[in-house]
Amino acid sequence: MDRYDDYYRSTPDVFGSAPNPVLVQHAELIDPSATALDIACGQGRNSFFLARSGMTVHALDLSAEAVRQVNAVAEKVGLAIRTIHSGFADLQPEAGGYGAILVFGLIPDLEREHVAALVTLIEKVLAPMGLLFITAFGTWDPAFENHRREWTEESLNSFCSLDGVVRTYLEPGELVALFPGLEVVHSWEGLGPEHRHGDGPPERHGLAEAVLRRP
């Protein structure tokens, strides 16, 4: 069972119901005839946004509950979403690649070696002129110093708690530098807005976000 299953089951809109603002701001750049891939789709807010615009979306998540919820909405409303209960390493990609790939909120949960594997996959399956929408937490995140002090550092700026939770932070400029072969359409680093996950405490993250394009 994925650790998010119970959370998704008990909490509507864990990460909000609105699509990520950077996706909304740059969605007009996506080829609407292309297929999009939403890696770690969660409860589907970004997949729903693209599918409602007429795109076909492959929505992938390790959480069976996330996949169930996305399926239920897609079937009820009639959205062109194909759910995939899988991790990204086991993805069987779309022939010809994807015109857009979304990776929101995943990198902080990955060990460094898995971040490298994710980068390799994206470089393999992003179609020519395809767009990558991606976010990460940076070392300027308010929680960074606490994790460095209280958790075990497994690799550079990547920490693990006693119960196996991973939190990885990128250095300034590192997110874009992971993809040297892609053109930068948009890049921003700073403090994101204050928010809550369900009825949890207020949070604010140090965010890096980018929109990158394959030439």
Foldseek 3Di string as FASTA:
>chain_A
DDPCQVVCVVFPQLPHQADDPVCVVCVVLFDQAWEEEEAQCALPNNVVVSQVVPHAYEYEHCHPNSQVNNVVVCVVVVTNYHYHNDHPVPDDADVQATQEYEAEPDVQQDDPVVVLVVLVSCVVRHHAQHKYKHKAFACPWPCQVVQVVQFDDPDDQWGAHPVGGIGHHHYVPVVVVSCVQWAWPDWDWAKDDWDGRGPHDIGITGMIITMTTHD
